[in-house]
Amino acid sequence: MEKEGMLKALNFLASKSLEVGTLVTDRHKQVSKFVRQQHPHIDHRYDIWHVSKGIKKKLGKLSKQADCDLVREWTKSITNHLYWCAANGIDGDDILKRWKSLIDHICDEHDECYHTTLSPEDRRKKWFTPGSKAYEKLYDILCSKTLLPDIKKLSSQHQTSSLEAYHSVVNHFAPKLLSFSYHGLHSRLLLAILHFNENFGRPQARTREGKERLAIAYTKAKAGECTPKPIPVPKTYIYVEKLMHKTVEYCTAGEKHEHSESPPPLASAYEHPDKDTTPSFSRYKR
């Protein structure tokens, strides 16, 4: 489904004479293969959050194994290092070189590191011992053959956070737990688009004294760790008033808008097996 959605998006942009220079997605294998084979001219990049999420999940499982408790202490530093590599790397090779410097750093070897000399205050975490079980398993995760090529393709400028925010708005207007008709779902998607476009990127709210307002959030992604979260200004619903005015205008003018026919269900494109002639159904007959 993700591949089909991306294909339709690229075709739509091509129909508008727009050329895609850079494409930022998650690490979906089918999407990556399709872009690599069918659109080699597109600079395909990966969102850092999705890569970091996969690494953090593997580190969490490793930290629960015997003699691997030290991995939990280094998990946050490793994910932060990933963001630093993408933000400061010149190109893919430089990003990968910065990432590999972590392998020696966690063993208190800093010949390939980019930081200055560490003071005793900076050496708060315990170092890994080369050859130990925790280090060997951590090395396999950080230098796996599937991860290193993806590290080179990290996006340093654009991310998919705005798209994730839009999907959250869509889930509010059209919850996945409920079933809607074709036109009902289409209308709810249009409302989600109007709401998102009007309220996305709201400025941060301020107090009467002019100070920026912040809230403390305890997110599941950070294992209950408190995180400061900016409080935006209240949402606006100007699009609702405009829709109501347009509705009144259409009703007053006596205009009628005919809906297009709903597309056939996906199951209609396939031939359904006959219950009487299909051998696999014979054992259920009485």
C-alpha atoms as a PDB file:
ATOM      1  CA  MET A   1       0.000   0.000   0.000  1.00  0.00           C
ATOM      2  CA  GLU A   2       2.844   2.409   0.801  1.00  0.00           C
ATOM      3  CA  LYS A   3       4.492   1.681  -2.517  1.00  0.00           C
ATOM      4  CA  GLU A   4       1.203   2.185  -4.390  1.00  0.00           C
ATOM      5  CA  GLY A   5       0.596   5.477  -2.588  1.00  0.00           C
ATOM      6  CA  MET A   6       4.062   6.763  -3.448  1.00  0.00           C
ATOM      7  CA  LEU A   7       3.618   5.681  -7.079  1.00  0.00           C
ATOM      8  CA  LYS A   8       0.368   7.638  -7.348  1.00  0.00           C
ATOM      9  CA  ALA A   9       1.998  10.671  -5.719  1.00  0.00           C
ATOM     10  CA  LEU A  10       4.915  10.622  -8.168  1.00  0.00           C
ATOM     11  CA  ASN A  11       2.553  10.222 -11.123  1.00  0.00           C
ATOM     12  CA  PHE A  12       0.435  13.132  -9.882  1.00  0.00           C
ATOM     13  CA  LEU A  13       3.499  15.400  -9.591  1.00  0.00           C
ATOM     14  CA  ALA A  14       4.655  14.322 -13.048  1.00  0.00           C
ATOM     15  CA  SER A  15       1.238  15.202 -14.493  1.00  0.00           C
ATOM     16  CA  LYS A  16       1.723  18.733 -13.104  1.00  0.00           C
ATOM     17  CA  SER A  17       5.156  18.986 -14.784  1.00  0.00           C
ATOM     18  CA  LEU A  18       6.920  18.898 -11.409  1.00  0.00           C
ATOM     19  CA  GLU A  19      10.227  17.059 -11.112  1.00  0.00           C
ATOM     20  CA  VAL A  20      11.138  15.369  -7.823  1.00  0.00           C
ATOM     21  CA  GLY A  21      14.720  16.068  -6.773  1.00  0.00           C
ATOM     22  CA  THR A  22      14.761  14.617  -3.240  1.00  0.00           C
ATOM     23  CA  LEU A  23      12.424  12.047  -1.692  1.00  0.00           C
ATOM     24  CA  VAL A  24      12.384  11.467   2.088  1.00  0.00           C
ATOM     25  CA  THR A  25      10.660   8.297   3.352  1.00  0.00           C
ATOM     26  CA  ASP A  26      11.038   5.624   5.991  1.00  0.00           C
ATOM     27  CA  ARG A  27      13.088   2.446   5.402  1.00  0.00           C
ATOM     28  CA  HIS A  28      10.365   0.613   3.475  1.00  0.00           C
ATOM     29  CA  LYS A  29      12.203  -1.995   1.395  1.00  0.00           C
ATOM     30  CA  GLN A  30       9.750  -2.093  -1.522  1.00  0.00           C
ATOM     31  CA  VAL A  31       9.769   1.703  -1.788  1.00  0.00           C
ATOM     32  CA  SER A  32      13.574   1.806  -1.708  1.00  0.00           C
ATOM     33  CA  LYS A  33      13.875  -0.840  -4.416  1.00  0.00           C
ATOM     34  CA  PHE A  34      11.274   0.858  -6.619  1.00  0.00           C
ATOM     35  CA  VAL A  35      12.972   4.265  -6.400  1.00  0.00           C
ATOM     36  CA  ARG A  36      16.400   2.743  -6.989  1.00  0.00           C
ATOM     37  CA  GLN A  37      15.298   0.857 -10.117  1.00  0.00           C
ATOM     38  CA  GLN A  38      12.593   3.077 -11.631  1.00  0.00           C
ATOM     39  CA  HIS A  39      13.729   6.568 -10.560  1.00  0.00           C
ATOM     40  CA  PRO A  40      17.530   6.534 -10.204  1.00  0.00           C
ATOM     41  CA  HIS A  41      17.652  10.319 -10.739  1.00  0.00           C
ATOM     42  CA  ILE A  42      15.798  10.945  -7.434  1.00  0.00           C
ATOM     43  CA  ASP A  43      17.947  11.518  -4.344  1.00  0.00           C
ATOM     44  CA  HIS A  44      16.247   9.094  -1.946  1.00  0.00           C
ATOM     45  CA  ARG A  45      16.803   9.874   1.735  1.00  0.00           C
ATOM     46  CA  TYR A  46      15.631   8.289   4.981  1.00  0.00           C
ATOM     47  CA  ASP A  47      13.953  10.055   7.878  1.00  0.00           C
ATOM     48  CA  ILE A  48      16.243  10.031  10.925  1.00  0.00           C
ATOM     49  CA  TRP A  49      13.451   9.292  13.405  1.00  0.00           C
ATOM     50  CA  HIS A  50      12.486   6.047  11.675  1.00  0.00           C
ATOM     51  CA  VAL A  51      16.102   4.829  11.607  1.00  0.00           C
ATOM     52  CA  SER A  52      16.629   5.866  15.215  1.00  0.00           C
ATOM     53  CA  LYS A  53      13.443   4.089  16.254  1.00  0.00           C
ATOM     54  CA  GLY A  54      14.643   0.800  14.739  1.00  0.00           C
ATOM     55  CA  ILE A  55      18.052   1.049  16.420  1.00  0.00           C
ATOM     56  CA  LYS A  56      16.538   1.971  19.780  1.00  0.00           C
ATOM     57  CA  LYS A  57      14.188  -0.998  19.632  1.00  0.00           C
ATOM     58  CA  LYS A  58      17.064  -3.414  19.034  1.00  0.00           C
ATOM     59  CA  LEU A  59      19.153  -1.846  21.801  1.00  0.00           C
ATOM     60  CA  GLY A  60      16.233  -2.221  24.205  1.00  0.00           C
ATOM     61  CA  LYS A  61      16.025  -5.947  23.528  1.00  0.00           C
ATOM     62  CA  LEU A  62      19.788  -6.329  23.874  1.00  0.00           C
ATOM     63  CA  SER A  63      19.890  -4.493  27.208  1.00  0.00           C
ATOM     64  CA  LYS A  64      17.561  -7.134  28.707  1.00  0.00           C
ATOM     65  CA  GLN A  65      20.021  -9.948  28.034  1.00  0.00           C
ATOM     66  CA  ALA A  66      22.489 -11.201  30.605  1.00  0.00           C
ATOM     67  CA  ASP A  67      25.698  -9.155  30.985  1.00  0.00           C
ATOM     68  CA  CYS A  68      24.312  -6.444  28.671  1.00  0.00           C
ATOM     69  CA  ASP A  69      22.970  -3.937  31.208  1.00  0.00           C
ATOM     70  CA  LEU A  70      25.516  -1.343  30.063  1.00  0.00           C
ATOM     71  CA  VAL A  71      23.715  -1.031  26.716  1.00  0.00           C
ATOM     72  CA  ARG A  72      20.754   0.629  28.442  1.00  0.00           C
ATOM     73  CA  GLU A  73      23.026   3.345  29.815  1.00  0.00           C
ATOM     74  CA  TRP A  74      24.383   4.111  26.328  1.00  0.00           C
ATOM     75  CA  THR A  75      21.108   3.919  24.363  1.00  0.00           C
ATOM     76  CA  LYS A  76      20.246   7.614  24.529  1.00  0.00           C
ATOM     77  CA  SER A  77      23.802   8.665  23.642  1.00  0.00           C
ATOM     78  CA  ILE A  78      23.829   6.337  20.624  1.00  0.00           C
ATOM     79  CA  THR A  79      20.537   7.701  19.250  1.00  0.00           C
ATOM     80  CA  ASN A  80      21.699  11.277  19.868  1.00  0.00           C
ATOM     81  CA  HIS A  81      24.896  10.480  17.991  1.00  0.00           C
ATOM     82  CA  LEU A  82      22.816   9.359  15.018  1.00  0.00           C
ATOM     83  CA  TYR A  83      21.112  12.757  14.811  1.00  0.00           C
ATOM     84  CA  TRP A  84      24.473  14.506  15.201  1.00  0.00           C
ATOM     85  CA  CYS A  85      25.964  12.523  12.320  1.00  0.00           C
ATOM     86  CA  ALA A  86      23.135  13.466   9.974  1.00  0.00           C
ATOM     87  CA  ALA A  87      23.170  17.127  11.024  1.00  0.00           C
ATOM     88  CA  ASN A  88      26.928  17.620  10.630  1.00  0.00           C
ATOM     89  CA  GLY A  89      27.821  15.219   7.811  1.00  0.00           C
ATOM     90  CA  ILE A  90      28.844  16.724   4.505  1.00  0.00           C
ATOM     91  CA  ASP A  91      27.728  13.778   2.403  1.00  0.00           C
ATOM     92  CA  GLY A  92      26.806  10.118   2.806  1.00  0.00           C
ATOM     93  CA  ASP A  93      30.383   8.925   3.254  1.00  0.00           C
ATOM     94  CA  ASP A  94      31.078  11.578   5.891  1.00  0.00           C
ATOM     95  CA  ILE A  95      27.892  10.654   7.781  1.00  0.00           C
ATOM     96  CA  LEU A  96      28.946   7.004   7.782  1.00  0.00           C
ATOM     97  CA  LYS A  97      32.473   7.872   8.955  1.00  0.00           C
ATOM     98  CA  ARG A  98      31.094   9.874  11.868  1.00  0.00           C
ATOM     99  CA  TRP A  99      28.768   7.008  12.766  1.00  0.00           C
ATOM    100  CA  LYS A 100      31.585   4.440  12.804  1.00  0.00           C
ATOM    101  CA  SER A 101      33.610   6.633  15.165  1.00  0.00           C
ATOM    102  CA  LEU A 102      31.131   5.576  17.846  1.00  0.00           C
ATOM    103  CA  ILE A 103      32.504   2.012  17.800  1.00  0.00           C
ATOM    104  CA  ASP A 104      35.868   3.122  19.200  1.00  0.00           C
ATOM    105  CA  HIS A 105      34.447   5.882  21.380  1.00  0.00           C
ATOM    106  CA  ILE A 106      32.396   3.504  23.546  1.00  0.00           C
ATOM    107  CA  CYS A 107      35.643   1.629  24.316  1.00  0.00           C
ATOM    108  CA  ASP A 108      37.424   4.817  25.461  1.00  0.00           C
ATOM    109  CA  GLU A 109      39.414   5.067  22.223  1.00  0.00           C
ATOM    110  CA  HIS A 110      39.102   8.525  20.701  1.00  0.00           C
ATOM    111  CA  ASP A 111      41.570   8.635  17.822  1.00  0.00           C
ATOM    112  CA  GLU A 112      38.750   8.793  15.253  1.00  0.00           C
ATOM    113  CA  CYS A 113      36.390  10.937  17.330  1.00  0.00           C
ATOM    114  CA  TYR A 114      35.378  14.499  16.462  1.00  0.00           C
ATOM    115  CA  HIS A 115      35.113  15.833  20.026  1.00  0.00           C
ATOM    116  CA  THR A 116      37.748  17.588  22.073  1.00  0.00           C
ATOM    117  CA  THR A 117      39.626  16.004  24.956  1.00  0.00           C
ATOM    118  CA  LEU A 118      37.191  14.608  27.496  1.00  0.00           C
ATOM    119  CA  SER A 119      37.413  15.895  31.032  1.00  0.00           C
ATOM    120  CA  PRO A 120      36.773  13.663  34.077  1.00  0.00           C
ATOM    121  CA  GLU A 121      33.292  15.231  34.341  1.00  0.00           C
ATOM    122  CA  ASP A 122      32.499  14.050  30.795  1.00  0.00           C
ATOM    123  CA  ARG A 123      33.465  10.444  31.572  1.00  0.00           C
ATOM    124  CA  ARG A 124      30.333   9.649  33.550  1.00  0.00           C
ATOM    125  CA  LYS A 125      29.357   6.420  31.782  1.00  0.00           C
ATOM    126  CA  LYS A 126      31.213   3.160  32.073  1.00  0.00           C
ATOM    127  CA  TRP A 127      33.154   2.153  28.962  1.00  0.00           C
ATOM    128  CA  PHE A 128      32.674  -1.102  27.062  1.00  0.00           C
ATOM    129  CA  THR A 129      35.366  -3.760  27.105  1.00  0.00           C
ATOM    130  CA  PRO A 130      36.410  -4.935  23.617  1.00  0.00           C
ATOM    131  CA  GLY A 131      35.636  -8.602  23.152  1.00  0.00           C
ATOM    132  CA  SER A 132      32.954  -8.699  25.828  1.00  0.00           C
ATOM    133  CA  LYS A 133      29.508 -10.106  25.108  1.00  0.00           C
ATOM    134  CA  ALA A 134      27.816  -6.701  25.374  1.00  0.00           C
ATOM    135  CA  TYR A 135      30.310  -5.063  23.006  1.00  0.00           C
ATOM    136  CA  GLU A 136      30.208  -7.813  20.385  1.00  0.00           C
ATOM    137  CA  LYS A 137      26.410  -7.851  20.252  1.00  0.00           C
ATOM    138  CA  LEU A 138      26.264  -4.055  20.197  1.00  0.00           C
ATOM    139  CA  TYR A 139      28.817  -4.011  17.374  1.00  0.00           C
ATOM    140  CA  ASP A 140      26.652  -6.393  15.343  1.00  0.00           C
ATOM    141  CA  ILE A 141      23.710  -3.984  15.669  1.00  0.00           C
ATOM    142  CA  LEU A 142      25.565  -0.744  14.959  1.00  0.00           C
ATOM    143  CA  CYS A 143      27.557  -2.148  12.030  1.00  0.00           C
ATOM    144  CA  SER A 144      25.072  -4.535  10.462  1.00  0.00           C
ATOM    145  CA  LYS A 145      25.133  -4.879   6.682  1.00  0.00           C
ATOM    146  CA  THR A 146      21.550  -3.656   6.421  1.00  0.00           C
ATOM    147  CA  LEU A 147      22.055  -0.566   8.611  1.00  0.00           C
ATOM    148  CA  LEU A 148      25.295   0.934   7.273  1.00  0.00           C
ATOM    149  CA  PRO A 149      23.972   1.613   3.725  1.00  0.00           C
ATOM    150  CA  ASP A 150      20.939   3.313   5.281  1.00  0.00           C
ATOM    151  CA  ILE A 151      23.133   5.505   7.480  1.00  0.00           C
ATOM    152  CA  LYS A 152      24.650   7.006   4.322  1.00  0.00           C
ATOM    153  CA  LYS A 153      21.176   7.981   3.119  1.00  0.00           C
ATOM    154  CA  LEU A 154      20.048   9.867   6.228  1.00  0.00           C
ATOM    155  CA  SER A 155      18.290  13.133   5.454  1.00  0.00           C
ATOM    156  CA  SER A 156      19.982  16.116   7.078  1.00  0.00           C
ATOM    157  CA  GLN A 157      17.528  18.808   5.926  1.00  0.00           C
ATOM    158  CA  HIS A 158      13.979  17.439   5.618  1.00  0.00           C
ATOM    159  CA  GLN A 159      12.066  14.945   7.756  1.00  0.00           C
ATOM    160  CA  THR A 160       8.636  13.310   7.691  1.00  0.00           C
ATOM    161  CA  SER A 161       7.421  14.807  10.985  1.00  0.00           C
ATOM    162  CA  SER A 162       4.871  17.064   9.278  1.00  0.00           C
ATOM    163  CA  LEU A 163       3.437  14.071   7.428  1.00  0.00           C
ATOM    164  CA  GLU A 164       3.144  12.129  10.682  1.00  0.00           C
ATOM    165  CA  ALA A 165       1.326  15.125  12.193  1.00  0.00           C
ATOM    166  CA  TYR A 166      -1.106  15.146   9.267  1.00  0.00           C
ATOM    167  CA  HIS A 167      -1.795  11.417   9.698  1.00  0.00           C
ATOM    168  CA  SER A 168      -2.621  12.121  13.348  1.00  0.00           C
ATOM    169  CA  VAL A 169      -5.224  14.684  12.239  1.00  0.00           C
ATOM    170  CA  VAL A 170      -6.665  12.188   9.734  1.00  0.00           C
ATOM    171  CA  ASN A 171      -7.033   9.602  12.519  1.00  0.00           C
ATOM    172  CA  HIS A 172      -9.008  12.177  14.502  1.00  0.00           C
ATOM    173  CA  PHE A 173     -11.499  12.881  11.712  1.00  0.00           C
ATOM    174  CA  ALA A 174     -11.589   9.322  10.360  1.00  0.00           C
ATOM    175  CA  PRO A 175     -10.723   6.796  13.107  1.00  0.00           C
ATOM    176  CA  LYS A 176      -9.504   3.462  11.801  1.00  0.00           C
ATOM    177  CA  LEU A 177     -11.737   1.600  14.241  1.00  0.00           C
ATOM    178  CA  LEU A 178     -14.840   2.838  12.422  1.00  0.00           C
ATOM    179  CA  SER A 179     -16.071   2.056   8.921  1.00  0.00           C
ATOM    180  CA  PHE A 180     -17.184   4.829   6.567  1.00  0.00           C
ATOM    181  CA  SER A 181     -18.701   4.925   3.122  1.00  0.00           C
ATOM    182  CA  TYR A 182     -16.546   6.045   0.219  1.00  0.00           C
ATOM    183  CA  HIS A 183     -18.038   9.570   0.096  1.00  0.00           C
ATOM    184  CA  GLY A 184     -18.096   9.789   3.898  1.00  0.00           C
ATOM    185  CA  LEU A 185     -14.402   8.958   4.155  1.00  0.00           C
ATOM    186  CA  HIS A 186     -13.575  11.318   1.286  1.00  0.00           C
ATOM    187  CA  SER A 187     -15.400  14.173   3.018  1.00  0.00           C
ATOM    188  CA  ARG A 188     -13.631  13.489   6.312  1.00  0.00           C
ATOM    189  CA  LEU A 189     -10.255  13.523   4.557  1.00  0.00           C
ATOM    190  CA  LEU A 190     -11.076  16.910   3.053  1.00  0.00           C
ATOM    191  CA  LEU A 191     -11.981  18.229   6.511  1.00  0.00           C
ATOM    192  CA  ALA A 192      -8.709  16.880   7.896  1.00  0.00           C
ATOM    193  CA  ILE A 193      -6.790  18.678   5.149  1.00  0.00           C
ATOM    194  CA  LEU A 194      -8.569  21.971   5.839  1.00  0.00           C
ATOM    195  CA  HIS A 195      -7.972  21.656   9.591  1.00  0.00           C
ATOM    196  CA  PHE A 196      -4.310  20.716   9.148  1.00  0.00           C
ATOM    197  CA  ASN A 197      -3.536  23.517   6.681  1.00  0.00           C
ATOM    198  CA  GLU A 198      -5.116  26.109   8.956  1.00  0.00           C
ATOM    199  CA  ASN A 199      -3.493  25.036  12.222  1.00  0.00           C
ATOM    200  CA  PHE A 200      -0.127  23.538  11.253  1.00  0.00           C
ATOM    201  CA  GLY A 201       2.895  25.558  12.327  1.00  0.00           C
ATOM    202  CA  ARG A 202       1.099  27.598  14.989  1.00  0.00           C
ATOM    203  CA  PRO A 203       3.396  29.920  16.967  1.00  0.00           C
ATOM    204  CA  GLN A 204       4.216  29.199  20.583  1.00  0.00           C
ATOM    205  CA  ALA A 205       1.877  30.710  23.135  1.00  0.00           C
ATOM    206  CA  ARG A 206       3.193  33.316  25.573  1.00  0.00           C
ATOM    207  CA  THR A 207       2.262  34.436  29.068  1.00  0.00           C
ATOM    208  CA  ARG A 208       1.142  37.943  29.924  1.00  0.00           C
ATOM    209  CA  GLU A 209       4.751  38.742  30.780  1.00  0.00           C
ATOM    210  CA  GLY A 210       5.819  37.643  27.283  1.00  0.00           C
ATOM    211  CA  LYS A 211       7.483  34.370  28.287  1.00  0.00           C
ATOM    212  CA  GLU A 212       7.070  31.326  26.060  1.00  0.00           C
ATOM    213  CA  ARG A 213       4.758  28.702  27.545  1.00  0.00           C
ATOM    214  CA  LEU A 214       6.026  25.151  28.051  1.00  0.00           C
ATOM    215  CA  ALA A 215       4.460  21.930  29.291  1.00  0.00           C
ATOM    216  CA  ILE A 216       6.098  18.825  30.739  1.00  0.00           C
ATOM    217  CA  ALA A 217       5.274  15.660  28.802  1.00  0.00           C
ATOM    218  CA  TYR A 218       6.000  12.066  29.838  1.00  0.00           C
ATOM    219  CA  THR A 219       6.130  10.193  26.538  1.00  0.00           C
ATOM    220  CA  LYS A 220       6.067   6.441  26.077  1.00  0.00           C
ATOM    221  CA  ALA A 221       8.796   6.686  23.429  1.00  0.00           C
ATOM    222  CA  LYS A 222      11.232   8.024  26.055  1.00  0.00           C
ATOM    223  CA  ALA A 223      10.293   5.462  28.697  1.00  0.00           C
ATOM    224  CA  GLY A 224       8.520   7.979  30.909  1.00  0.00           C
ATOM    225  CA  GLU A 225      11.325  10.542  30.840  1.00  0.00           C
ATOM    226  CA  CYS A 226      10.018  14.093  31.167  1.00  0.00           C
ATOM    227  CA  THR A 227      10.396  16.298  28.102  1.00  0.00           C
ATOM    228  CA  PRO A 228       9.656  20.031  27.735  1.00  0.00           C
ATOM    229  CA  LYS A 229       6.974  20.586  25.111  1.00  0.00           C
ATOM    230  CA  PRO A 230       6.066  24.019  23.694  1.00  0.00           C
ATOM    231  CA  ILE A 231       2.413  25.001  24.025  1.00  0.00           C
ATOM    232  CA  PRO A 232       1.070  26.456  20.752  1.00  0.00           C
ATOM    233  CA  VAL A 233      -1.613  29.118  20.508  1.00  0.00           C
ATOM    234  CA  PRO A 234      -5.213  27.782  20.476  1.00  0.00           C
ATOM    235  CA  LYS A 235      -6.553  26.178  17.306  1.00  0.00           C
ATOM    236  CA  THR A 236      -8.791  28.128  14.958  1.00  0.00           C
ATOM    237  CA  TYR A 237     -11.770  26.860  12.960  1.00  0.00           C
ATOM    238  CA  ILE A 238     -12.244  29.553  10.327  1.00  0.00           C
ATOM    239  CA  TYR A 239     -12.694  26.878   7.661  1.00  0.00           C
ATOM    240  CA  VAL A 240     -15.919  25.739   9.353  1.00  0.00           C
ATOM    241  CA  GLU A 241     -17.464  29.196   9.038  1.00  0.00           C
ATOM    242  CA  LYS A 242     -16.463  29.374   5.373  1.00  0.00           C
ATOM    243  CA  LEU A 243     -18.006  25.959   4.696  1.00  0.00           C
ATOM    244  CA  MET A 244     -21.249  26.992   6.374  1.00  0.00           C
ATOM    245  CA  HIS A 245     -21.440  30.184   4.298  1.00  0.00           C
ATOM    246  CA  LYS A 246     -20.851  28.204   1.094  1.00  0.00           C
ATOM    247  CA  THR A 247     -23.513  25.698   2.087  1.00  0.00           C
ATOM    248  CA  VAL A 248     -26.043  28.479   2.663  1.00  0.00           C
ATOM    249  CA  GLU A 249     -25.163  30.032  -0.697  1.00  0.00           C
ATOM    250  CA  TYR A 250     -25.695  26.742  -2.551  1.00  0.00           C
ATOM    251  CA  CYS A 251     -28.987  26.058  -0.775  1.00  0.00           C
ATOM    252  CA  THR A 252     -30.246  29.591  -1.400  1.00  0.00           C
ATOM    253  CA  ALA A 253     -29.347  29.429  -5.096  1.00  0.00           C
ATOM    254  CA  GLY A 254     -30.968  26.013  -5.401  1.00  0.00           C
ATOM    255  CA  GLU A 255     -27.797  24.445  -6.791  1.00  0.00           C
ATOM    256  CA  LYS A 256     -27.362  20.690  -6.632  1.00  0.00           C
ATOM    257  CA  HIS A 257     -24.054  18.876  -6.811  1.00  0.00           C
ATOM    258  CA  GLU A 258     -24.113  15.279  -7.915  1.00  0.00           C
ATOM    259  CA  HIS A 259     -21.648  12.909  -6.304  1.00  0.00           C
ATOM    260  CA  SER A 260     -19.483  10.744  -8.484  1.00  0.00           C
ATOM    261  CA  GLU A 261     -20.129   7.047  -8.277  1.00  0.00           C
ATOM    262  CA  SER A 262     -18.204   5.106  -5.680  1.00  0.00           C
ATOM    263  CA  PRO A 263     -15.461   2.882  -7.086  1.00  0.00           C
ATOM    264  CA  PRO A 264     -16.125  -0.848  -6.915  1.00  0.00           C
ATOM    265  CA  PRO A 265     -14.683  -2.748  -3.936  1.00  0.00           C
ATOM    266  CA  LEU A 266     -11.256  -4.293  -4.352  1.00  0.00           C
ATOM    267  CA  ALA A 267     -12.680  -7.793  -3.986  1.00  0.00           C
ATOM    268  CA  SER A 268     -14.700  -7.326  -7.174  1.00  0.00           C
ATOM    269  CA  ALA A 269     -11.512  -7.448  -9.234  1.00  0.00           C
ATOM    270  CA  TYR A 270     -10.926 -11.096  -8.287  1.00  0.00           C
ATOM    271  CA  GLU A 271     -12.850 -14.190  -9.229  1.00  0.00           C
ATOM    272  CA  HIS A 272     -14.593 -15.744  -6.235  1.00  0.00           C
ATOM    273  CA  PRO A 273     -14.272 -19.541  -5.868  1.00  0.00           C
ATOM    274  CA  ASP A 274     -17.380 -21.674  -6.184  1.00  0.00           C
ATOM    275  CA  LYS A 275     -18.174 -23.377  -2.882  1.00  0.00           C
ATOM    276  CA  ASP A 276     -19.702 -26.408  -4.632  1.00  0.00           C
ATOM    277  CA  THR A 277     -16.822 -27.114  -7.023  1.00  0.00           C
ATOM    278  CA  THR A 278     -13.767 -26.093  -4.983  1.00  0.00           C
ATOM    279  CA  PRO A 279     -12.108 -29.253  -3.516  1.00  0.00           C
ATOM    280  CA  SER A 280     -10.892 -27.495  -0.351  1.00  0.00           C
ATOM    281  CA  PHE A 281     -14.493 -26.700   0.588  1.00  0.00           C
ATOM    282  CA  SER A 282     -15.731 -30.280   0.258  1.00  0.00           C
ATOM    283  CA  ARG A 283     -14.790 -31.305   3.789  1.00  0.00           C
ATOM    284  CA  TYR A 284     -17.109 -28.651   5.211  1.00  0.00           C
ATOM    285  CA  LYS A 285     -20.152 -29.992   3.384  1.00  0.00           C
ATOM    286  CA  ARG A 286     -22.627 -31.989   5.390  1.00  0.00           C
END
